[in-house]
Amino acid sequence: MTPFQHAVLAVVRLIPHGKVVSYGQVAAYVGVPRAARQVGWAMRSLGSATNFPWWRVLNNSGKITIAGNWNATASLQKELLEAEGVVISDDYELNIEAYRFRPDAATLTDLRLDPDYVQKMLSRYGIN
């Protein structure tokens, strides 16, 4: 497993029950902004053998868009999120802001990000 995959796993494991993040958020929280697509690839490459809450990551518009994945489907992701209390429409959309996870400063610091970068993330995402 690559260092990037390890970092992605660490962030995804932080997402609490009933909360979601975007692929872009994960990329930002691992210190590689603009790598949302790579986050998706990293998660997909882990396959079904890894026990982590992959279903809590979706696109920033709040739409479930899994495609071409043998291990996961949009309907499975919807089912798993709904089991956690997330309300999702029949067309696989949700109000991402109502469920968005925003880690606190201590959590971001624990990810071993540069302190200046942590401050930028706190400001960007309105985190206390």
C-alpha atoms as a PDB file:
ATOM      1  CA  MET A   1       0.000   0.000   0.000  1.00  0.00           C
ATOM      2  CA  THR A   2       1.327   3.433  -0.913  1.00  0.00           C
ATOM      3  CA  PRO A   3       1.766   6.308   1.575  1.00  0.00           C
ATOM      4  CA  PHE A   4      -1.072   8.118  -0.224  1.00  0.00           C
ATOM      5  CA  GLN A   5      -3.398   5.127   0.253  1.00  0.00           C
ATOM      6  CA  HIS A   6      -2.453   4.943   3.936  1.00  0.00           C
ATOM      7  CA  ALA A   7      -3.240   8.648   4.328  1.00  0.00           C
ATOM      8  CA  VAL A   8      -6.574   8.273   2.528  1.00  0.00           C
ATOM      9  CA  LEU A   9      -7.503   5.341   4.773  1.00  0.00           C
ATOM     10  CA  ALA A  10      -6.582   7.318   7.890  1.00  0.00           C
ATOM     11  CA  VAL A  11      -8.853  10.190   6.870  1.00  0.00           C
ATOM     12  CA  VAL A  12     -11.771   8.005   5.781  1.00  0.00           C
ATOM     13  CA  ARG A  13     -11.624   6.120   9.073  1.00  0.00           C
ATOM     14  CA  LEU A  14     -12.129   9.433  10.924  1.00  0.00           C
ATOM     15  CA  ILE A  15     -15.533  10.085   9.348  1.00  0.00           C
ATOM     16  CA  PRO A  16     -18.185   9.440  11.995  1.00  0.00           C
ATOM     17  CA  HIS A  17     -21.360   7.411  11.562  1.00  0.00           C
ATOM     18  CA  GLY A  18     -23.976   9.474   9.689  1.00  0.00           C
ATOM     19  CA  LYS A  19     -21.474  11.960   8.243  1.00  0.00           C
ATOM     20  CA  VAL A  20     -19.953  12.283   4.780  1.00  0.00           C
ATOM     21  CA  VAL A  21     -17.052  14.025   3.065  1.00  0.00           C
ATOM     22  CA  SER A  22     -16.219  14.757  -0.525  1.00  0.00           C
ATOM     23  CA  TYR A  23     -13.317  13.220  -2.400  1.00  0.00           C
ATOM     24  CA  GLY A  24     -11.839  16.726  -2.518  1.00  0.00           C
ATOM     25  CA  GLN A  25     -12.033  17.054   1.254  1.00  0.00           C
ATOM     26  CA  VAL A  26     -10.141  13.803   1.678  1.00  0.00           C
ATOM     27  CA  ALA A  27      -7.515  15.055  -0.769  1.00  0.00           C
ATOM     28  CA  ALA A  28      -7.205  18.313   1.173  1.00  0.00           C
ATOM     29  CA  TYR A  29      -6.996  16.504   4.501  1.00  0.00           C
ATOM     30  CA  VAL A  30      -4.160  14.293   3.281  1.00  0.00           C
ATOM     31  CA  GLY A  31      -2.296  17.394   2.133  1.00  0.00           C
ATOM     32  CA  VAL A  32      -2.750  16.941  -1.618  1.00  0.00           C
ATOM     33  CA  PRO A  33      -5.374  19.469  -2.679  1.00  0.00           C
ATOM     34  CA  ARG A  34      -6.857  18.966  -6.134  1.00  0.00           C
ATOM     35  CA  ALA A  35      -6.315  15.206  -5.954  1.00  0.00           C
ATOM     36  CA  ALA A  36      -9.970  14.215  -5.584  1.00  0.00           C
ATOM     37  CA  ARG A  37      -9.809  11.830  -8.510  1.00  0.00           C
ATOM     38  CA  GLN A  38      -6.709  10.166  -7.068  1.00  0.00           C
ATOM     39  CA  VAL A  39      -8.567   9.670  -3.776  1.00  0.00           C
ATOM     40  CA  GLY A  40     -11.251   7.761  -5.671  1.00  0.00           C
ATOM     41  CA  TRP A  41      -8.644   5.655  -7.436  1.00  0.00           C
ATOM     42  CA  ALA A  42      -6.845   4.940  -4.152  1.00  0.00           C
ATOM     43  CA  MET A  43     -10.056   3.862  -2.461  1.00  0.00           C
ATOM     44  CA  ARG A  44     -11.077   1.697  -5.412  1.00  0.00           C
ATOM     45  CA  SER A  45      -7.672   0.007  -5.546  1.00  0.00           C
ATOM     46  CA  LEU A  46      -8.088  -1.179  -1.954  1.00  0.00           C
ATOM     47  CA  GLY A  47     -10.900  -3.502  -3.000  1.00  0.00           C
ATOM     48  CA  SER A  48     -13.421  -5.080  -0.676  1.00  0.00           C
ATOM     49  CA  ALA A  49     -10.863  -6.696   1.630  1.00  0.00           C
ATOM     50  CA  THR A  50     -10.219  -3.461   3.516  1.00  0.00           C
ATOM     51  CA  ASN A  51     -12.590  -2.669   6.358  1.00  0.00           C
ATOM     52  CA  PHE A  52     -13.177   1.068   6.158  1.00  0.00           C
ATOM     53  CA  PRO A  53     -16.288   3.254   5.654  1.00  0.00           C
ATOM     54  CA  TRP A  54     -15.804   4.003   1.940  1.00  0.00           C
ATOM     55  CA  TRP A  55     -19.520   4.763   1.545  1.00  0.00           C
ATOM     56  CA  ARG A  56     -19.090   8.015   3.506  1.00  0.00           C
ATOM     57  CA  VAL A  57     -17.119   9.594   0.630  1.00  0.00           C
ATOM     58  CA  LEU A  58     -18.948  11.078  -2.355  1.00  0.00           C
ATOM     59  CA  ASN A  59     -18.669  13.927  -4.797  1.00  0.00           C
ATOM     60  CA  ASN A  60     -18.854  17.508  -3.587  1.00  0.00           C
ATOM     61  CA  SER A  61     -22.269  18.138  -5.111  1.00  0.00           C
ATOM     62  CA  GLY A  62     -23.770  15.524  -2.803  1.00  0.00           C
ATOM     63  CA  LYS A  63     -24.459  12.927  -5.454  1.00  0.00           C
ATOM     64  CA  ILE A  64     -23.526   9.271  -5.329  1.00  0.00           C
ATOM     65  CA  THR A  65     -21.655   8.602  -8.555  1.00  0.00           C
ATOM     66  CA  ILE A  66     -19.965   5.216  -8.211  1.00  0.00           C
ATOM     67  CA  ALA A  67     -19.507   3.625 -11.620  1.00  0.00           C
ATOM     68  CA  GLY A  68     -17.455   0.758 -12.971  1.00  0.00           C
ATOM     69  CA  ASN A  69     -16.572  -0.682  -9.568  1.00  0.00           C
ATOM     70  CA  TRP A  70     -16.918  -4.427  -9.018  1.00  0.00           C
ATOM     71  CA  ASN A  71     -16.849  -4.095  -5.229  1.00  0.00           C
ATOM     72  CA  ALA A  72     -19.373  -1.305  -4.718  1.00  0.00           C
ATOM     73  CA  THR A  73     -22.449   0.100  -6.396  1.00  0.00           C
ATOM     74  CA  ALA A  74     -24.408   3.320  -6.067  1.00  0.00           C
ATOM     75  CA  SER A  75     -27.341   1.402  -4.625  1.00  0.00           C
ATOM     76  CA  LEU A  76     -25.099  -0.241  -2.008  1.00  0.00           C
ATOM     77  CA  GLN A  77     -23.626   3.127  -1.037  1.00  0.00           C
ATOM     78  CA  LYS A  78     -27.130   4.582  -0.770  1.00  0.00           C
ATOM     79  CA  GLU A  79     -28.271   1.666   1.375  1.00  0.00           C
ATOM     80  CA  LEU A  80     -25.268   1.965   3.726  1.00  0.00           C
ATOM     81  CA  LEU A  81     -25.691   5.725   4.130  1.00  0.00           C
ATOM     82  CA  GLU A  82     -29.425   5.420   4.735  1.00  0.00           C
ATOM     83  CA  ALA A  83     -28.709   2.817   7.430  1.00  0.00           C
ATOM     84  CA  GLU A  84     -26.713   5.570   9.166  1.00  0.00           C
ATOM     85  CA  GLY A  85     -29.610   8.025   8.968  1.00  0.00           C
ATOM     86  CA  VAL A  86     -28.515   9.969   5.886  1.00  0.00           C
ATOM     87  CA  VAL A  87     -31.506  10.996   3.770  1.00  0.00           C
ATOM     88  CA  ILE A  88     -30.914  10.310   0.070  1.00  0.00           C
ATOM     89  CA  SER A  89     -33.312  10.927  -2.802  1.00  0.00           C
ATOM     90  CA  ASP A  90     -34.296   8.320  -5.371  1.00  0.00           C
ATOM     91  CA  ASP A  91     -31.839   9.924  -7.801  1.00  0.00           C
ATOM     92  CA  TYR A  92     -28.960   9.355  -5.338  1.00  0.00           C
ATOM     93  CA  GLU A  93     -28.595  12.943  -4.144  1.00  0.00           C
ATOM     94  CA  LEU A  94     -28.315  14.300  -0.634  1.00  0.00           C
ATOM     95  CA  ASN A  95     -27.809  17.636   1.072  1.00  0.00           C
ATOM     96  CA  ILE A  96     -24.073  17.250   1.606  1.00  0.00           C
ATOM     97  CA  GLU A  97     -23.842  20.319   3.840  1.00  0.00           C
ATOM     98  CA  ALA A  98     -26.345  18.803   6.274  1.00  0.00           C
ATOM     99  CA  TYR A  99     -24.129  15.732   6.718  1.00  0.00           C
ATOM    100  CA  ARG A 100     -20.635  17.049   5.956  1.00  0.00           C
ATOM    101  CA  PHE A 101     -17.935  16.057   8.447  1.00  0.00           C
ATOM    102  CA  ARG A 102     -15.544  18.828   9.404  1.00  0.00           C
ATOM    103  CA  PRO A 103     -12.732  17.632  11.658  1.00  0.00           C
ATOM    104  CA  ASP A 104     -11.560  19.951  14.386  1.00  0.00           C
ATOM    105  CA  ALA A 105      -8.097  21.517  14.568  1.00  0.00           C
ATOM    106  CA  ALA A 106      -6.725  18.763  16.803  1.00  0.00           C
ATOM    107  CA  THR A 107      -7.822  16.068  14.363  1.00  0.00           C
ATOM    108  CA  LEU A 108      -6.229  17.877  11.420  1.00  0.00           C
ATOM    109  CA  THR A 109      -3.037  18.322  13.428  1.00  0.00           C
ATOM    110  CA  ASP A 110      -3.048  14.601  14.270  1.00  0.00           C
ATOM    111  CA  LEU A 111      -2.928  13.922  10.517  1.00  0.00           C
ATOM    112  CA  ARG A 112       0.607  15.393  10.634  1.00  0.00           C
ATOM    113  CA  LEU A 113      -0.139  18.138   8.175  1.00  0.00           C
ATOM    114  CA  ASP A 114       1.968  21.279   8.055  1.00  0.00           C
ATOM    115  CA  PRO A 115       0.650  23.749  10.703  1.00  0.00           C
ATOM    116  CA  ASP A 116       0.228  26.523   8.113  1.00  0.00           C
ATOM    117  CA  TYR A 117      -1.728  24.155   5.896  1.00  0.00           C
ATOM    118  CA  VAL A 118      -3.924  23.178   8.854  1.00  0.00           C
ATOM    119  CA  GLN A 119      -4.741  26.856   9.419  1.00  0.00           C
ATOM    120  CA  LYS A 120      -5.706  27.223   5.760  1.00  0.00           C
ATOM    121  CA  MET A 121      -7.994  24.179   6.017  1.00  0.00           C
ATOM    122  CA  LEU A 122      -9.589  25.528   9.186  1.00  0.00           C
ATOM    123  CA  SER A 123     -10.314  28.830   7.447  1.00  0.00           C
ATOM    124  CA  ARG A 124     -11.454  27.277   4.186  1.00  0.00           C
ATOM    125  CA  TYR A 125     -13.915  24.858   5.763  1.00  0.00           C
ATOM    126  CA  GLY A 126     -14.992  27.082   8.663  1.00  0.00           C
ATOM    127  CA  ILE A 127     -13.688  24.650  11.260  1.00  0.00           C
ATOM    128  CA  ASN A 128     -13.146  25.657  14.878  1.00  0.00           C
END
